């Protein structure tokens, strides 16, 4: 089972980098293999990879374009 966790971390570059800077997850993952889901959730929140963050980013870009177009016209 631990090999599945290692494989998942190696396949996901964001997860791999997150683990490098948040080393306390090594201990948590060793003790509880199911905590990988908790780690992924925390990583997505911190790196702003949640669907809400993506929508907010798109909204901000649209507002910027709208502002630029208002200035031009």
N, C-alpha and C. Protein backbone atom coordinates (compact mmCIF):
# COMPACT_ATOMS: atom_id res chain seq x y z
N UNK A 1 0.82 -1.20 0.00
CA UNK A 1 0.00 0.00 0.00
C UNK A 1 0.86 1.26 0.00
N UNK A 2 1.95 1.27 0.72
CA UNK A 2 2.83 2.43 0.78
C UNK A 2 3.41 2.73 -0.60
N UNK A 3 3.60 1.70 -1.40
CA UNK A 3 4.11 1.92 -2.76
C UNK A 3 3.11 2.70 -3.61
N UNK A 4 1.82 2.52 -3.34
CA UNK A 4 0.80 3.29 -4.07
C UNK A 4 0.91 4.77 -3.74
N UNK A 5 1.19 5.06 -2.51
CA UNK A 5 1.35 6.46 -2.09
C UNK A 5 2.58 7.06 -2.76
N UNK A 6 3.66 6.35 -2.76
CA UNK A 6 4.89 6.83 -3.38
C UNK A 6 4.67 7.06 -4.88
N UNK A 7 4.00 6.14 -5.50
CA UNK A 7 3.71 6.27 -6.93
C UNK A 7 2.84 7.49 -7.19
N UNK A 8 1.83 7.70 -6.38
CA UNK A 8 0.95 8.85 -6.57
C UNK A 8 1.70 10.16 -6.39
N UNK A 9 2.59 10.20 -5.42
CA UNK A 9 3.38 11.42 -5.18
C UNK A 9 4.34 11.67 -6.34
N UNK A 10 4.96 10.65 -6.83
CA UNK A 10 5.90 10.83 -7.95
C UNK A 10 5.20 11.22 -9.24
N UNK A 11 3.98 10.80 -9.41
CA UNK A 11 3.23 11.12 -10.63
C UNK A 11 2.62 12.52 -10.60
N UNK A 12 2.49 13.09 -9.43
CA UNK A 12 1.90 14.41 -9.30
C UNK A 12 2.98 15.40 -8.86
N UNK A 13 3.44 16.22 -9.79
CA UNK A 13 4.55 17.14 -9.50
C UNK A 13 4.21 18.14 -8.40
N UNK A 14 2.99 18.63 -8.38
CA UNK A 14 2.58 19.58 -7.34
C UNK A 14 2.64 18.92 -5.96
N UNK A 15 2.16 17.70 -5.90
CA UNK A 15 2.17 16.96 -4.65
C UNK A 15 3.61 16.69 -4.18
N UNK A 16 4.45 16.35 -5.12
CA UNK A 16 5.86 16.08 -4.82
C UNK A 16 6.54 17.33 -4.25
N UNK A 17 6.33 18.47 -4.90
CA UNK A 17 6.93 19.72 -4.42
C UNK A 17 6.34 20.14 -3.08
N UNK A 18 5.07 19.93 -2.91
CA UNK A 18 4.42 20.27 -1.65
C UNK A 18 5.03 19.45 -0.50
N UNK A 19 5.26 18.19 -0.76
CA UNK A 19 5.83 17.31 0.25
C UNK A 19 7.26 17.72 0.62
N UNK A 20 8.00 18.24 -0.33
CA UNK A 20 9.36 18.70 -0.04
C UNK A 20 9.36 19.84 0.97
N UNK A 21 8.39 20.74 0.86
CA UNK A 21 8.37 21.91 1.73
C UNK A 21 7.53 21.71 2.99
N UNK A 22 6.79 20.63 3.05
CA UNK A 22 5.97 20.33 4.22
C UNK A 22 6.30 18.91 4.68
N UNK A 23 7.45 18.77 5.25
CA UNK A 23 7.98 17.44 5.55
C UNK A 23 7.24 16.71 6.67
N UNK A 24 6.42 17.42 7.44
CA UNK A 24 5.67 16.74 8.50
C UNK A 24 4.71 15.69 7.92
N UNK A 25 4.44 15.80 6.62
CA UNK A 25 3.55 14.83 6.00
C UNK A 25 4.21 13.45 5.87
N UNK A 26 5.52 13.39 5.86
CA UNK A 26 6.20 12.08 5.81
C UNK A 26 5.76 11.21 6.98
N UNK A 27 5.77 11.80 8.15
CA UNK A 27 5.40 11.06 9.36
C UNK A 27 3.92 10.68 9.33
N UNK A 28 3.09 11.64 8.92
CA UNK A 28 1.65 11.34 8.86
C UNK A 28 1.35 10.23 7.87
N UNK A 29 1.98 10.28 6.72
CA UNK A 29 1.74 9.26 5.70
C UNK A 29 2.27 7.90 6.13
N UNK A 30 3.35 7.90 6.84
CA UNK A 30 3.91 6.64 7.33
C UNK A 30 2.97 5.99 8.34
N UNK A 31 2.40 6.82 9.22
CA UNK A 31 1.52 6.28 10.26
C UNK A 31 0.12 5.97 9.75
N UNK A 32 -0.36 6.76 8.81
CA UNK A 32 -1.71 6.57 8.30
C UNK A 32 -1.71 6.77 6.79
N UNK A 33 -1.79 5.68 6.06
CA UNK A 33 -1.71 5.75 4.60
C UNK A 33 -2.92 6.44 3.99
N UNK A 34 -4.01 6.49 4.70
CA UNK A 34 -5.22 7.14 4.17
C UNK A 34 -5.16 8.66 4.27
N UNK A 35 -4.15 9.18 4.92
CA UNK A 35 -4.04 10.63 5.05
C UNK A 35 -3.57 11.30 3.76
N UNK A 36 -3.29 10.52 2.74
CA UNK A 36 -2.89 11.09 1.45
C UNK A 36 -3.99 12.00 0.90
N UNK A 37 -5.24 11.62 1.13
CA UNK A 37 -6.36 12.44 0.66
C UNK A 37 -6.40 13.77 1.39
N UNK A 38 -6.11 13.74 2.66
CA UNK A 38 -6.05 14.97 3.46
C UNK A 38 -4.90 15.86 2.97
N UNK A 39 -3.80 15.24 2.65
CA UNK A 39 -2.64 15.99 2.15
C UNK A 39 -2.96 16.64 0.80
N UNK A 40 -3.62 15.91 -0.07
CA UNK A 40 -3.99 16.45 -1.38
C UNK A 40 -4.94 17.63 -1.22
N UNK A 41 -5.87 17.49 -0.31
CA UNK A 41 -6.82 18.58 -0.07
C UNK A 41 -6.11 19.83 0.45
N UNK A 42 -5.20 19.64 1.39
CA UNK A 42 -4.44 20.76 1.93
C UNK A 42 -3.56 21.41 0.86
N UNK A 43 -2.94 20.57 0.04
CA UNK A 43 -2.09 21.09 -1.03
C UNK A 43 -2.90 21.92 -2.01
N UNK A 44 -4.06 21.44 -2.40
CA UNK A 44 -4.90 22.17 -3.34
C UNK A 44 -5.35 23.51 -2.76
N UNK A 45 -5.66 23.52 -1.48
CA UNK A 45 -6.06 24.78 -0.85
C UNK A 45 -4.90 25.77 -0.81
N UNK A 46 -3.74 25.29 -0.46
CA UNK A 46 -2.59 26.19 -0.34
C UNK A 46 -2.11 26.69 -1.70
N UNK A 47 -2.12 25.82 -2.70
CA UNK A 47 -1.65 26.21 -4.02
C UNK A 47 -2.75 26.83 -4.88
N UNK A 48 -3.91 26.95 -4.31
CA UNK A 48 -5.07 27.55 -5.00
C UNK A 48 -5.41 26.78 -6.28
N UNK A 49 -5.59 25.49 -6.12
CA UNK A 49 -5.93 24.62 -7.23
C UNK A 49 -7.36 24.10 -7.15
N UNK A 50 -8.13 24.65 -6.25
CA UNK A 50 -9.51 24.21 -6.11
C UNK A 50 -10.36 24.82 -7.22
N UNK A 51 -11.49 24.23 -7.53
CA UNK A 51 -12.35 24.80 -8.58
C UNK A 51 -12.77 26.24 -8.28
N UNK A 52 -13.03 26.55 -7.03
CA UNK A 52 -13.41 27.91 -6.66
C UNK A 52 -12.28 28.89 -7.00
N UNK A 53 -11.06 28.52 -6.70
CA UNK A 53 -9.91 29.38 -7.00
C UNK A 53 -9.74 29.58 -8.51
N UNK A 54 -9.97 28.53 -9.27
CA UNK A 54 -9.85 28.64 -10.72
C UNK A 54 -10.91 29.56 -11.29
N UNK A 55 -12.13 29.46 -10.77
CA UNK A 55 -13.21 30.33 -11.22
C UNK A 55 -12.91 31.78 -10.85
N UNK A 56 -12.40 31.99 -9.65
CA UNK A 56 -12.03 33.35 -9.23
C UNK A 56 -10.94 33.93 -10.12
N UNK A 57 -10.00 33.10 -10.48
CA UNK A 57 -8.92 33.55 -11.36
C UNK A 57 -9.46 33.96 -12.74
N UNK A 58 -10.33 33.14 -13.27
CA UNK A 58 -10.93 33.47 -14.58
C UNK A 58 -11.74 34.75 -14.48
N UNK A 59 -12.50 34.89 -13.41
CA UNK A 59 -13.31 36.09 -13.20
C UNK A 59 -12.43 37.34 -13.13
N UNK A 60 -11.33 37.23 -12.43
CA UNK A 60 -10.40 38.37 -12.33
C UNK A 60 -9.80 38.72 -13.69
N UNK A 61 -9.49 37.73 -14.47
CA UNK A 61 -8.94 37.99 -15.80
C UNK A 61 -9.97 38.66 -16.70
N UNK A 62 -11.20 38.21 -16.61
CA UNK A 62 -12.27 38.82 -17.41
C UNK A 62 -12.48 40.27 -17.00
N UNK A 63 -12.46 40.54 -15.71
CA UNK A 63 -12.62 41.91 -15.22
C UNK A 63 -11.47 42.80 -15.69
N UNK A 64 -10.26 42.26 -15.70
CA UNK A 64 -9.11 43.01 -16.18
C UNK A 64 -9.26 43.37 -17.66
N UNK A 65 -9.66 42.38 -18.45
CA UNK A 65 -9.88 42.63 -19.88
C UNK A 65 -10.98 43.67 -20.08
N UNK A 66 -12.04 43.56 -19.32
CA UNK A 66 -13.13 44.51 -19.42
C UNK A 66 -12.65 45.92 -19.08
N UNK A 67 -11.85 46.04 -18.05
CA UNK A 67 -11.31 47.35 -17.66
C UNK A 67 -10.43 47.93 -18.76
N UNK A 68 -9.61 47.11 -19.34
CA UNK A 68 -8.73 47.56 -20.42
C UNK A 68 -9.56 48.01 -21.61
N UNK A 69 -10.57 47.25 -21.94
CA UNK A 69 -11.44 47.63 -23.07
C UNK A 69 -12.19 48.93 -22.79
N UNK A 70 -12.60 49.13 -21.55
CA UNK A 70 -13.27 50.39 -21.16
C UNK A 70 -12.33 51.58 -21.31
N UNK A 71 -11.10 51.38 -20.98
CA UNK A 71 -10.12 52.46 -21.08
C UNK A 71 -9.84 52.79 -22.56
N UNK A 72 -9.73 51.77 -23.37
CA UNK A 72 -9.44 51.95 -24.79
C UNK A 72 -10.59 52.64 -25.52
N UNK A 73 -11.81 52.27 -25.19
CA UNK A 73 -12.96 52.84 -25.93
C UNK A 73 -13.50 54.10 -25.31
